[in-house]
C-alpha atoms as a PDB file:
ATOM      1  CA  MET A   1      -0.294   0.046   0.105  1.00  0.00           C
ATOM      2  CA  PRO A   2       1.318   3.461  -0.646  1.00  0.00           C
ATOM      3  CA  ARG A   3       2.250   5.676   2.308  1.00  0.00           C
ATOM      4  CA  ASP A   4      -0.482   8.231   1.371  1.00  0.00           C
ATOM      5  CA  VAL A   5      -3.225   5.657   1.055  1.00  0.00           C
ATOM      6  CA  GLU A   6      -5.818   7.720   3.094  1.00  0.00           C
ATOM      7  CA  ALA A   7      -5.325  10.694   0.792  1.00  0.00           C
ATOM      8  CA  VAL A   8      -5.736   8.267  -2.310  1.00  0.00           C
ATOM      9  CA  VAL A   9      -8.831   6.682  -0.976  1.00  0.00           C
ATOM     10  CA  ALA A  10     -10.318   9.950   0.151  1.00  0.00           C
ATOM     11  CA  GLY A  11      -9.793  11.613  -3.373  1.00  0.00           C
ATOM     12  CA  LEU A  12     -11.445   8.668  -5.001  1.00  0.00           C
ATOM     13  CA  LEU A  13     -14.442   8.585  -2.930  1.00  0.00           C
ATOM     14  CA  ARG A  14     -14.818  12.523  -3.522  1.00  0.00           C
ATOM     15  CA  GLU A  15     -14.486  11.922  -7.142  1.00  0.00           C
ATOM     16  CA  GLY A  16     -16.924   9.251  -7.251  1.00  0.00           C
ATOM     17  CA  GLU A  17     -19.484  11.424  -5.282  1.00  0.00           C
ATOM     18  CA  VAL A  18     -18.892  14.320  -7.843  1.00  0.00           C
ATOM     19  CA  LEU A  19     -19.687  11.947 -10.778  1.00  0.00           C
ATOM     20  CA  GLY A  20     -22.830  10.532  -9.098  1.00  0.00           C
ATOM     21  CA  VAL A  21     -21.423   7.063  -8.582  1.00  0.00           C
ATOM     22  CA  THR A  22     -21.920   7.401  -4.911  1.00  0.00           C
ATOM     23  CA  GLY A  23     -24.118   9.607  -2.625  1.00  0.00           C
ATOM     24  CA  ARG A  24     -23.723  10.226   1.082  1.00  0.00           C
ATOM     25  CA  HIS A  25     -20.976   7.651   1.284  1.00  0.00           C
ATOM     26  CA  ALA A  26     -23.060   4.978  -0.463  1.00  0.00           C
ATOM     27  CA  LEU A  27     -23.598   3.418  -3.768  1.00  0.00           C
ATOM     28  CA  GLY A  28     -26.217   5.005  -5.830  1.00  0.00           C
ATOM     29  CA  THR A  29     -28.196   3.808  -9.050  1.00  0.00           C
ATOM     30  CA  VAL A  30     -25.232   4.752 -11.407  1.00  0.00           C
ATOM     31  CA  GLY A  31     -22.586   3.108  -8.901  1.00  0.00           C
ATOM     32  CA  ARG A  32     -24.728  -0.204  -8.859  1.00  0.00           C
ATOM     33  CA  ALA A  33     -25.001  -0.279 -12.476  1.00  0.00           C
ATOM     34  CA  LEU A  34     -21.276   0.283 -12.974  1.00  0.00           C
ATOM     35  CA  LEU A  35     -20.798  -2.701 -10.444  1.00  0.00           C
ATOM     36  CA  GLU A  36     -22.994  -4.972 -12.197  1.00  0.00           C
ATOM     37  CA  GLY A  37     -21.449  -4.085 -15.582  1.00  0.00           C
ATOM     38  CA  SER A  38     -24.579  -3.425 -17.270  1.00  0.00           C
ATOM     39  CA  ASP A  39     -25.167  -0.912 -20.101  1.00  0.00           C
ATOM     40  CA  ARG A  40     -27.607   1.211 -18.677  1.00  0.00           C
ATOM     41  CA  ALA A  41     -25.194   3.243 -16.512  1.00  0.00           C
ATOM     42  CA  ALA A  42     -24.746   5.896 -19.214  1.00  0.00           C
ATOM     43  CA  GLY A  43     -28.538   6.307 -19.689  1.00  0.00           C
ATOM     44  CA  THR A  44     -29.194   6.484 -15.989  1.00  0.00           C
ATOM     45  CA  LEU A  45     -26.742   9.342 -15.525  1.00  0.00           C
ATOM     46  CA  ALA A  46     -28.100  11.151 -18.626  1.00  0.00           C
ATOM     47  CA  ASP A  47     -31.443  11.248 -16.912  1.00  0.00           C
ATOM     48  CA  LEU A  48     -30.050  12.842 -13.676  1.00  0.00           C
ATOM     49  CA  VAL A  49     -28.128  15.561 -15.849  1.00  0.00           C
ATOM     50  CA  PRO A  50     -30.508  18.558 -16.732  1.00  0.00           C
ATOM     51  CA  ASP A  51     -30.603  19.463 -20.471  1.00  0.00           C
ATOM     52  CA  PRO A  52     -28.875  22.553 -21.544  1.00  0.00           C
ATOM     53  CA  VAL A  53     -31.395  25.587 -22.025  1.00  0.00           C
ATOM     54  CA  ASP A  54     -31.581  27.843 -25.083  1.00  0.00           C
ATOM     55  CA  ARG A  55     -33.499  30.665 -23.346  1.00  0.00           C
ATOM     56  CA  LEU A  56     -32.595  33.708 -21.325  1.00  0.00           C
ATOM     57  CA  LEU A  57     -34.433  36.456 -19.564  1.00  0.00           C
ATOM     58  CA  LEU A  58     -33.394  40.021 -20.336  1.00  0.00           C
ATOM     59  CA  GLN A  59     -34.023  42.604 -18.006  1.00  0.00           C
ATOM     60  CA  ALA A  60     -34.121  46.363 -17.906  1.00  0.00           C
ATOM     61  CA  ASP A  61     -31.142  46.824 -15.698  1.00  0.00           C
ATOM     62  CA  LEU A  62     -28.999  45.423 -18.538  1.00  0.00           C
ATOM     63  CA  THR A  63     -28.631  41.922 -16.981  1.00  0.00           C
ATOM     64  CA  ALA A  64     -29.745  38.579 -18.580  1.00  0.00           C
ATOM     65  CA  ILE A  65     -30.521  35.519 -16.440  1.00  0.00           C
ATOM     66  CA  VAL A  66     -29.876  31.970 -17.801  1.00  0.00           C
ATOM     67  CA  PRO A  67     -32.063  29.385 -15.757  1.00  0.00           C
ATOM     68  CA  GLY A  68     -29.296  26.601 -16.283  1.00  0.00           C
ATOM     69  CA  ALA A  69     -26.333  25.657 -18.327  1.00  0.00           C
ATOM     70  CA  PRO A  70     -26.733  27.420 -21.726  1.00  0.00           C
ATOM     71  CA  VAL A  71     -26.414  25.729 -25.219  1.00  0.00           C
ATOM     72  CA  PRO A  72     -22.784  26.328 -26.756  1.00  0.00           C
ATOM     73  CA  GLU A  73     -24.246  28.974 -29.120  1.00  0.00           C
ATOM     74  CA  LEU A  74     -25.833  30.855 -26.519  1.00  0.00           C
ATOM     75  CA  ALA A  75     -22.852  30.478 -24.293  1.00  0.00           C
ATOM     76  CA  ALA A  76     -20.664  31.845 -27.111  1.00  0.00           C
ATOM     77  CA  LEU A  77     -22.910  34.887 -27.368  1.00  0.00           C
ATOM     78  CA  LEU A  78     -22.937  35.838 -23.875  1.00  0.00           C
ATOM     79  CA  ARG A  79     -18.999  35.161 -23.500  1.00  0.00           C
ATOM     80  CA  ARG A  80     -18.648  37.945 -26.188  1.00  0.00           C
ATOM     81  CA  SER A  81     -21.059  40.402 -25.314  1.00  0.00           C
ATOM     82  CA  ALA A  82     -21.553  40.243 -21.318  1.00  0.00           C
ATOM     83  CA  VAL A  83     -19.688  39.835 -18.207  1.00  0.00           C
ATOM     84  CA  LEU A  84     -20.702  36.668 -15.753  1.00  0.00           C
ATOM     85  CA  GLU A  85     -21.726  38.183 -12.429  1.00  0.00           C
ATOM     86  CA  SER A  86     -22.931  35.166 -10.578  1.00  0.00           C
ATOM     87  CA  ARG A  87     -23.577  31.541 -11.167  1.00  0.00           C
ATOM     88  CA  GLY A  88     -25.374  28.739  -9.607  1.00  0.00           C
ATOM     89  CA  GLY A  89     -28.641  27.347 -10.367  1.00  0.00           C
ATOM     90  CA  ALA A  90     -29.124  30.352 -12.763  1.00  0.00           C
ATOM     91  CA  GLY A  91     -26.421  32.431 -14.075  1.00  0.00           C
ATOM     92  CA  VAL A  92     -26.575  36.374 -14.076  1.00  0.00           C
ATOM     93  CA  HIS A  93     -24.815  38.159 -16.894  1.00  0.00           C
ATOM     94  CA  ARG A  94     -24.207  41.880 -17.225  1.00  0.00           C
ATOM     95  CA  PHE A  95     -23.996  43.954 -20.275  1.00  0.00           C
ATOM     96  CA  THR A  96     -21.400  46.615 -20.232  1.00  0.00           C
ATOM     97  CA  GLU A  97     -19.844  49.091 -22.868  1.00  0.00           C
ATOM     98  CA  GLN A  98     -16.536  47.214 -22.416  1.00  0.00           C
ATOM     99  CA  SER A  99     -18.213  43.923 -23.022  1.00  0.00           C
ATOM    100  CA  LEU A 100     -20.332  45.103 -25.922  1.00  0.00           C
ATOM    101  CA  ARG A 101     -17.029  46.689 -27.538  1.00  0.00           C
ATOM    102  CA  GLY A 102     -15.520  43.154 -27.287  1.00  0.00           C
ATOM    103  CA  ALA A 103     -18.520  41.704 -29.326  1.00  0.00           C
ATOM    104  CA  LEU A 104     -18.219  44.596 -32.106  1.00  0.00           C
ATOM    105  CA  ASP A 105     -14.363  44.147 -32.101  1.00  0.00           C
ATOM    106  CA  SER A 106     -15.006  40.498 -33.234  1.00  0.00           C
ATOM    107  CA  GLY A 107     -17.128  41.613 -36.237  1.00  0.00           C
ATOM    108  CA  TRP A 108     -20.655  41.953 -34.874  1.00  0.00           C
ATOM    109  CA  THR A 109     -22.844  44.703 -35.600  1.00  0.00           C
ATOM    110  CA  ALA A 110     -25.520  46.218 -33.545  1.00  0.00           C
ATOM    111  CA  ASP A 111     -28.265  44.572 -35.555  1.00  0.00           C
ATOM    112  CA  ASP A 112     -26.833  41.197 -35.574  1.00  0.00           C
ATOM    113  CA  LEU A 113     -26.250  41.255 -31.783  1.00  0.00           C
ATOM    114  CA  LEU A 114     -29.594  42.735 -30.885  1.00  0.00           C
ATOM    115  CA  GLU A 115     -31.151  39.853 -33.391  1.00  0.00           C
ATOM    116  CA  SER A 116     -29.272  37.297 -31.645  1.00  0.00           C
ATOM    117  CA  LEU A 117     -30.404  38.235 -28.231  1.00  0.00           C
ATOM    118  CA  ALA A 118     -33.921  38.479 -29.200  1.00  0.00           C
ATOM    119  CA  ARG A 119     -33.714  34.983 -30.755  1.00  0.00           C
ATOM    120  CA  PHE A 120     -32.641  33.579 -27.358  1.00  0.00           C
ATOM    121  CA  SER A 121     -34.825  35.847 -25.209  1.00  0.00           C
ATOM    122  CA  ALA A 122     -38.208  34.710 -23.800  1.00  0.00           C
ATOM    123  CA  THR A 123     -39.282  38.550 -23.941  1.00  0.00           C
ATOM    124  CA  GLU A 124     -38.546  41.520 -26.148  1.00  0.00           C
ATOM    125  CA  VAL A 125     -35.124  43.237 -25.886  1.00  0.00           C
ATOM    126  CA  PRO A 126     -35.546  45.993 -23.158  1.00  0.00           C
ATOM    127  CA  GLN A 127     -35.281  49.363 -24.384  1.00  0.00           C
ATOM    128  CA  PRO A 128     -32.280  50.230 -22.329  1.00  0.00           C
ATOM    129  CA  LEU A 129     -30.324  47.572 -23.536  1.00  0.00           C
ATOM    130  CA  ASP A 130     -31.211  48.369 -27.161  1.00  0.00           C
ATOM    131  CA  TYR A 131     -30.161  51.889 -26.514  1.00  0.00           C
ATOM    132  CA  LEU A 132     -26.744  50.817 -25.040  1.00  0.00           C
ATOM    133  CA  VAL A 133     -26.005  48.471 -27.804  1.00  0.00           C
ATOM    134  CA  ARG A 134     -26.655  51.045 -30.594  1.00  0.00           C
ATOM    135  CA  ASP A 135     -25.098  53.966 -28.799  1.00  0.00           C
ATOM    136  CA  VAL A 136     -21.744  51.800 -28.478  1.00  0.00           C
ATOM    137  CA  ALA A 137     -21.985  50.572 -32.002  1.00  0.00           C
ATOM    138  CA  ARG A 138     -22.359  54.304 -33.068  1.00  0.00           C
ATOM    139  CA  ARG A 139     -19.057  55.382 -31.465  1.00  0.00           C
ATOM    140  CA  HIS A 140     -17.387  52.205 -32.353  1.00  0.00           C
ATOM    141  CA  GLY A 141     -14.490  52.583 -34.855  1.00  0.00           C
ATOM    142  CA  GLN A 142     -14.854  56.528 -35.133  1.00  0.00           C
ATOM    143  CA  LEU A 143     -11.174  56.535 -34.274  1.00  0.00           C
ATOM    144  CA  ARG A 144      -8.786  54.032 -35.766  1.00  0.00           C
ATOM    145  CA  SER A 145      -5.214  53.318 -35.093  1.00  0.00           C
ATOM    146  CA  GLY A 146      -2.649  51.236 -37.038  1.00  0.00           C
ATOM    147  CA  SER A 147       1.123  51.158 -37.692  1.00  0.00           C
ATOM    148  CA  ALA A 148       2.996  52.529 -40.762  1.00  0.00           C
ATOM    149  CA  GLY A 149       6.851  53.037 -41.638  1.00  0.00           C
ATOM    150  CA  SER A 150       6.577  55.898 -43.717  1.00  0.00           C
ATOM    151  CA  TYR A 151       3.985  58.237 -45.452  1.00  0.00           C
ATOM    152  CA  LEU A 152       3.917  60.150 -48.684  1.00  0.00           C
ATOM    153  CA  ARG A 153       1.806  63.122 -49.309  1.00  0.00           C
ATOM    154  CA  GLY A 154       1.124  65.662 -52.210  1.00  0.00           C
ATOM    155  CA  ASP A 155      -1.172  68.170 -53.260  1.00  0.00           C
ATOM    156  CA  ASP A 156      -2.410  66.237 -56.472  1.00  0.00           C
ATOM    157  CA  PRO A 157      -4.593  63.545 -55.621  1.00  0.00           C
ATOM    158  CA  THR A 158      -4.491  62.157 -59.123  1.00  0.00           C
ATOM    159  CA  HIS A 159      -0.592  61.937 -58.968  1.00  0.00           C
ATOM    160  CA  LEU A 160      -1.086  59.595 -55.849  1.00  0.00           C
ATOM    161  CA  GLU A 161      -3.570  57.570 -57.668  1.00  0.00           C
ATOM    162  CA  ALA A 162      -1.061  56.941 -60.270  1.00  0.00           C
ATOM    163  CA  LEU A 163       1.388  55.936 -57.838  1.00  0.00           C
ATOM    164  CA  LEU A 164      -0.885  53.420 -56.426  1.00  0.00           C
ATOM    165  CA  ALA A 165      -1.359  51.857 -59.751  1.00  0.00           C
ATOM    166  CA  HIS A 166       2.206  51.869 -60.634  1.00  0.00           C
ATOM    167  CA  ARG A 167       3.560  48.273 -61.247  1.00  0.00           C
ATOM    168  CA  ASP A 168       7.090  48.909 -60.205  1.00  0.00           C
ATOM    169  CA  LEU A 169       6.091  50.155 -56.670  1.00  0.00           C
ATOM    170  CA  GLY A 170       3.946  47.155 -55.670  1.00  0.00           C
ATOM    171  CA  HIS A 171       6.669  46.051 -53.340  1.00  0.00           C
ATOM    172  CA  LEU A 172       6.277  49.247 -51.294  1.00  0.00           C
ATOM    173  CA  GLN A 173       2.497  48.093 -50.315  1.00  0.00           C
ATOM    174  CA  LEU A 174       1.206  51.735 -50.660  1.00  0.00           C
ATOM    175  CA  ARG A 175      -2.142  52.400 -49.343  1.00  0.00           C
ATOM    176  CA  GLN A 176      -4.205  55.622 -49.440  1.00  0.00           C
ATOM    177  CA  ILE A 177      -5.708  56.711 -46.143  1.00  0.00           C
ATOM    178  CA  ALA A 178      -6.764  60.330 -47.378  1.00  0.00           C
ATOM    179  CA  PRO A 179      -7.108  61.823 -50.821  1.00  0.00           C
ATOM    180  CA  THR A 180      -3.530  63.369 -50.410  1.00  0.00           C
ATOM    181  CA  VAL A 181      -1.697  60.911 -48.135  1.00  0.00           C
ATOM    182  CA  LEU A 182      -0.388  57.485 -48.862  1.00  0.00           C
ATOM    183  CA  ILE A 183       1.363  55.123 -46.287  1.00  0.00           C
ATOM    184  CA  SER A 184       3.652  52.380 -46.669  1.00  0.00           C
ATOM    185  CA  PRO A 185       5.308  49.759 -44.095  1.00  0.00           C
ATOM    186  CA  VAL A 186       8.783  50.502 -45.442  1.00  0.00           C
ATOM    187  CA  GLY A 187      11.108  53.172 -43.907  1.00  0.00           C
ATOM    188  CA  PRO A 188      11.338  56.612 -45.449  1.00  0.00           C
ATOM    189  CA  ALA A 189      14.613  56.222 -46.973  1.00  0.00           C
ATOM    190  CA  VAL A 190      13.540  53.071 -48.881  1.00  0.00           C
ATOM    191  CA  LEU A 191      10.560  54.734 -50.047  1.00  0.00           C
ATOM    192  CA  VAL A 192      12.194  57.724 -51.308  1.00  0.00           C
ATOM    193  CA  GLU A 193      14.885  55.699 -52.985  1.00  0.00           C
ATOM    194  CA  ALA A 194      12.129  53.314 -54.757  1.00  0.00           C
ATOM    195  CA  LEU A 195      10.323  56.506 -55.835  1.00  0.00           C
ATOM    196  CA  ARG A 196      13.423  58.110 -57.201  1.00  0.00           C
ATOM    197  CA  GLU A 197      14.286  54.908 -59.325  1.00  0.00           C
ATOM    198  CA  ALA A 198      10.676  54.958 -60.779  1.00  0.00           C
ATOM    199  CA  GLY A 199      11.450  58.417 -62.012  1.00  0.00           C
ATOM    200  CA  GLN A 200       9.756  60.389 -59.362  1.00  0.00           C
ATOM    201  CA  SER A 201      11.191  63.333 -57.302  1.00  0.00           C
ATOM    202  CA  PRO A 202      10.216  63.168 -53.729  1.00  0.00           C
ATOM    203  CA  ALA A 203      11.686  65.117 -51.035  1.00  0.00           C
ATOM    204  CA  LEU A 204      12.434  63.620 -47.529  1.00  0.00           C
ATOM    205  CA  GLU A 205      10.414  65.250 -44.618  1.00  0.00           C
ATOM    206  CA  SER A 206      11.321  65.267 -41.002  1.00  0.00           C
ATOM    207  CA  SER A 207       8.722  64.671 -38.146  1.00  0.00           C
ATOM    208  CA  GLY A 208       8.104  68.596 -37.875  1.00  0.00           C
ATOM    209  CA  GLY A 209       7.345  68.837 -41.546  1.00  0.00           C
ATOM    210  CA  VAL A 210      10.474  70.341 -42.675  1.00  0.00           C
ATOM    211  CA  VAL A 211      12.291  69.178 -45.843  1.00  0.00           C
ATOM    212  CA  SER A 212      15.485  67.411 -44.984  1.00  0.00           C
ATOM    213  CA  THR A 213      18.234  65.500 -47.087  1.00  0.00           C
ATOM    214  CA  LEU A 214      19.313  61.841 -47.066  1.00  0.00           C
ATOM    215  CA  PRO A 215      22.649  61.207 -45.607  1.00  0.00           C
ATOM    216  CA  THR A 216      25.273  61.673 -48.078  1.00  0.00           C
ATOM    217  CA  ALA A 217      27.966  59.280 -48.701  1.00  0.00           C
ATOM    218  CA  SER A 218      31.686  59.801 -47.464  1.00  0.00           C
ATOM    219  CA  ARG A 219      33.596  61.927 -50.036  1.00  0.00           C
ATOM    220  CA  VAL A 220      36.615  59.949 -51.136  1.00  0.00           C
ATOM    221  CA  PRO A 221      39.737  61.966 -52.234  1.00  0.00           C
ATOM    222  CA  PRO A 222      40.766  61.757 -55.670  1.00  0.00           C
ATOM    223  CA  ARG A 223      43.329  59.084 -56.579  1.00  0.00           C
ATOM    224  CA  ARG A 224      46.870  60.358 -57.151  1.00  0.00           C
ATOM    225  CA  ASP A 225      48.932  58.843 -59.989  1.00  0.00           C
ATOM    226  CA  ARG A 226      51.968  57.188 -58.664  1.00  0.00           C
ATOM    227  CA  PRO A 227      54.901  56.518 -60.663  1.00  0.00           C
ATOM    228  CA  VAL A 228      54.988  53.331 -62.752  1.00  0.00           C
ATOM    229  CA  THR A 229      57.413  50.856 -61.297  1.00  0.00           C
ATOM    230  CA  GLU A 230      58.945  48.403 -63.673  1.00  0.00           C
ATOM    231  CA  VAL A 231      59.479  44.683 -62.534  1.00  0.00           C
ATOM    232  CA  GLN A 232      62.204  42.751 -64.043  1.00  0.00           C
ATOM    233  CA  PRO A 233      62.515  40.077 -65.113  1.00  0.00           C
ATOM    234  CA  ASP A 234      59.493  38.354 -66.222  1.00  0.00           C
ATOM    235  CA  PRO A 235      57.903  35.493 -63.833  1.00  0.00           C
ATOM    236  CA  ALA A 236      59.221  32.054 -64.587  1.00  0.00           C
ATOM    237  CA  PRO A 237      56.906  29.821 -66.931  1.00  0.00           C
ATOM    238  CA  ILE A 238      56.195  27.325 -63.971  1.00  0.00           C
ATOM    239  CA  VAL A 239      54.713  30.321 -61.957  1.00  0.00           C
ATOM    240  CA  LEU A 240      52.494  31.373 -65.006  1.00  0.00           C
ATOM    241  CA  SER A 241      51.363  27.929 -65.461  1.00  0.00           C
ATOM    242  CA  ARG A 242      50.276  27.566 -61.760  1.00  0.00           C
ATOM    243  CA  LEU A 243      48.633  30.950 -61.744  1.00  0.00           C
ATOM    244  CA  ARG A 244      46.605  30.122 -65.069  1.00  0.00           C
ATOM    245  CA  GLU A 245      45.474  26.483 -63.395  1.00  0.00           C
ATOM    246  CA  GLY A 246      44.469  28.423 -60.241  1.00  0.00           C
ATOM    247  CA  GLU A 247      42.310  30.727 -62.375  1.00  0.00           C
ATOM    248  CA  HIS A 248      40.666  27.787 -64.421  1.00  0.00           C
ATOM    249  CA  VAL A 249      39.831  26.096 -61.214  1.00  0.00           C
ATOM    250  CA  ALA A 250      38.276  29.366 -59.494  1.00  0.00           C
ATOM    251  CA  GLU A 251      36.114  29.786 -62.836  1.00  0.00           C
ATOM    252  CA  ARG A 252      34.891  26.044 -62.584  1.00  0.00           C
ATOM    253  CA  GLN A 253      34.015  26.688 -58.883  1.00  0.00           C
ATOM    254  CA  ARG A 254      32.062  29.786 -59.796  1.00  0.00           C
ATOM    255  CA  ALA A 255      30.107  27.962 -62.495  1.00  0.00           C
ATOM    256  CA  ARG A 256      29.321  25.067 -60.254  1.00  0.00           C
ATOM    257  CA  PRO A 257      29.057  25.779 -56.633  1.00  0.00           C
ATOM    258  CA  GLY A 258      29.733  22.829 -54.458  1.00  0.00           C
ATOM    259  CA  ASP A 259      26.710  23.522 -52.086  1.00  0.00           C
ATOM    260  CA  GLY A 260      24.220  23.002 -55.037  1.00  0.00           C
ATOM    261  CA  SER A 261      23.336  26.696 -55.144  1.00  0.00           C
ATOM    262  CA  PRO A 262      22.773  28.610 -58.452  1.00  0.00           C
ATOM    263  CA  VAL A 263      24.854  31.238 -60.011  1.00  0.00           C
ATOM    264  CA  ILE A 264      24.015  34.547 -58.063  1.00  0.00           C
ATOM    265  CA  PRO A 265      24.352  37.602 -60.379  1.00  0.00           C
ATOM    266  CA  ALA A 266      25.156  40.927 -59.004  1.00  0.00           C
ATOM    267  CA  LEU A 267      22.194  43.175 -58.624  1.00  0.00           C
ATOM    268  CA  ASP A 268      21.399  46.850 -57.456  1.00  0.00           C
ATOM    269  CA  PRO A 269      19.963  47.234 -54.030  1.00  0.00           C
ATOM    270  CA  ALA A 270      16.487  48.258 -55.503  1.00  0.00           C
ATOM    271  CA  SER A 271      16.224  44.952 -57.267  1.00  0.00           C
ATOM    272  CA  ILE A 272      17.618  42.890 -54.295  1.00  0.00           C
ATOM    273  CA  SER A 273      14.705  44.651 -51.983  1.00  0.00           C
ATOM    274  CA  ALA A 274      11.989  43.932 -54.617  1.00  0.00           C
ATOM    275  CA  LEU A 275      13.014  40.362 -55.150  1.00  0.00           C
ATOM    276  CA  LEU A 276      13.226  39.547 -51.255  1.00  0.00           C
ATOM    277  CA  ARG A 277       9.750  41.356 -50.719  1.00  0.00           C
ATOM    278  CA  GLU A 278       8.442  39.054 -53.435  1.00  0.00           C
ATOM    279  CA  ALA A 279      10.005  35.958 -51.803  1.00  0.00           C
ATOM    280  CA  ALA A 280       8.555  36.992 -48.507  1.00  0.00           C
ATOM    281  CA  ALA A 281       5.131  37.614 -49.671  1.00  0.00           C
ATOM    282  CA  ASP A 282       4.926  34.190 -51.485  1.00  0.00           C
ATOM    283  CA  GLY A 283       6.741  32.212 -48.838  1.00  0.00           C
ATOM    284  CA  LEU A 284       9.578  31.258 -50.815  1.00  0.00           C
ATOM    285  CA  PRO A 285      13.375  30.575 -49.868  1.00  0.00           C
ATOM    286  CA  ALA A 286      16.001  32.818 -51.917  1.00  0.00           C
ATOM    287  CA  TRP A 287      19.703  32.074 -52.392  1.00  0.00           C
ATOM    288  CA  ILE A 288      21.695  35.277 -51.561  1.00  0.00           C
ATOM    289  CA  GLY A 289      25.320  36.416 -51.586  1.00  0.00           C
ATOM    290  CA  ILE A 290      26.318  37.926 -48.509  1.00  0.00           C
ATOM    291  CA  THR A 291      29.824  40.065 -47.854  1.00  0.00           C
ATOM    292  CA  ASP A 292      31.250  39.994 -44.646  1.00  0.00           C
ATOM    293  CA  SER A 293      33.352  42.382 -42.642  1.00  0.00           C
ATOM    294  CA  VAL A 294      36.302  41.616 -44.589  1.00  0.00           C
ATOM    295  CA  GLY A 295      35.103  41.506 -48.059  1.00  0.00           C
ATOM    296  CA  ALA A 296      34.586  37.710 -48.495  1.00  0.00           C
ATOM    297  CA  THR A 297      31.507  36.499 -50.080  1.00  0.00           C
ATOM    298  CA  LYS A 298      29.404  33.424 -49.237  1.00  0.00           C
ATOM    299  CA  ARG A 299      26.228  31.985 -50.388  1.00  0.00           C
ATOM    300  CA  VAL A 300      23.265  31.132 -47.923  1.00  0.00           C
ATOM    301  CA  LEU A 301      19.841  29.639 -48.596  1.00  0.00           C
ATOM    302  CA  PHE A 302      17.694  32.359 -46.856  1.00  0.00           C
ATOM    303  CA  HIS A 303      14.001  32.404 -45.768  1.00  0.00           C
ATOM    304  CA  PRO A 304      12.881  35.998 -45.861  1.00  0.00           C
ATOM    305  CA  VAL A 305      10.058  37.264 -43.602  1.00  0.00           C
ATOM    306  CA  ALA A 306       9.955  41.032 -43.764  1.00  0.00           C
ATOM    307  CA  VAL A 307      12.146  43.899 -45.417  1.00  0.00           C
ATOM    308  CA  ASP A 308      12.063  47.108 -43.723  1.00  0.00           C
ATOM    309  CA  GLY A 309      14.323  50.123 -42.803  1.00  0.00           C
ATOM    310  CA  GLY A 310      17.407  48.712 -45.083  1.00  0.00           C
ATOM    311  CA  ARG A 311      17.434  45.346 -43.399  1.00  0.00           C
ATOM    312  CA  VAL A 312      15.966  42.024 -44.230  1.00  0.00           C
ATOM    313  CA  VAL A 313      14.619  39.749 -41.526  1.00  0.00           C
ATOM    314  CA  GLY A 314      14.303  35.917 -42.153  1.00  0.00           C
ATOM    315  CA  GLU A 315      15.790  32.502 -41.160  1.00  0.00           C
ATOM    316  CA  VAL A 316      18.799  30.568 -41.972  1.00  0.00           C
ATOM    317  CA  ASP A 317      18.837  26.807 -41.123  1.00  0.00           C
ATOM    318  CA  ALA A 318      15.659  27.635 -38.940  1.00  0.00           C
ATOM    319  CA  ARG A 319      17.442  30.261 -36.995  1.00  0.00           C
ATOM    320  CA  PRO A 320      16.467  33.966 -37.047  1.00  0.00           C
ATOM    321  CA  GLN A 321      18.757  35.943 -38.984  1.00  0.00           C
ATOM    322  CA  VAL A 322      19.060  39.836 -39.969  1.00  0.00           C
ATOM    323  CA  TYR A 323      20.952  41.295 -42.884  1.00  0.00           C
ATOM    324  CA  SER A 324      21.553  44.562 -44.082  1.00  0.00           C
ATOM    325  CA  LEU A 325      20.708  45.218 -47.742  1.00  0.00           C
ATOM    326  CA  HIS A 326      23.955  46.752 -48.649  1.00  0.00           C
ATOM    327  CA  ARG A 327      25.821  43.564 -47.710  1.00  0.00           C
ATOM    328  CA  ILE A 328      23.762  41.584 -50.311  1.00  0.00           C
ATOM    329  CA  THR A 329      25.337  41.205 -53.484  1.00  0.00           C
ATOM    330  CA  GLY A 330      22.593  39.263 -55.316  1.00  0.00           C
ATOM    331  CA  VAL A 331      19.487  37.149 -54.887  1.00  0.00           C
ATOM    332  CA  VAL A 332      17.994  34.242 -56.645  1.00  0.00           C
ATOM    333  CA  VAL A 333      14.627  33.090 -55.553  1.00  0.00           C
ATOM    334  CA  ASP A 334      14.322  29.364 -55.154  1.00  0.00           C
ATOM    335  CA  GLY A 335      11.318  28.062 -56.938  1.00  0.00           C
END
């Protein structure tokens, strides 16, 4: 016997009483049926359990009384639109502005909610509840919030509509929120660069509405001519032959990469960004060339998820990875 046999036995007896197998520390009708091994135990227990109710009583104090366990459809309706205040033989649910906003957030309208309540109610929907539902629905959604990486505004609505229909700007995911305002999930620098590549002339604007400029690249001083140094004598023939052999081996390796990846052509940043956005939208992997800090280039099979702010986020070998677009030399979408 286990050491905690008393607790185990007490727990079994308590569970048996909850299930209706015993009653007042004695076998009940269901317990005797189980002991005899007959098939009438389930039917006997079903007769003792009350049927779920599909009716409720709506009251003028913005409460609803359900006399028993509600059917699944009624329970889902009350769970979305009301708050449970008390339970017992009958459950009391209260309608509040917050609970009704939860139903409206899930896609319900005022008419749908009132129609569903009237279908389950034994009486008509009280006037205070009708007023409350319609008032909350009237104010719901008057203000809307969302996220955007950048915006594009102009004085000519026709010009902005043309940009929405531009085929080369599809990767920017432009969306119109006003006749003269478009928004995009990409950053301002990426948006300006893509528009300039499409033949537009946008100006970058600061948070205060002042026109600013993009950060310029570092200026490189002009290269000075150096005197030509003649190297004599010519290299030996064996050195030349080994150099030629090394060049042929490198060309064969570039033509047929050992990891099975395709040849990755060099692309400009805009094309790289567009290809990665299309691969992320279609859920396809892509072979990319990556340049490390010392200038060496390697190929990796990358699964892009999002491109934003000059960076691409995705996975390499099921591990999260973030690359800067300026370090990517080329992209070949796999599939």
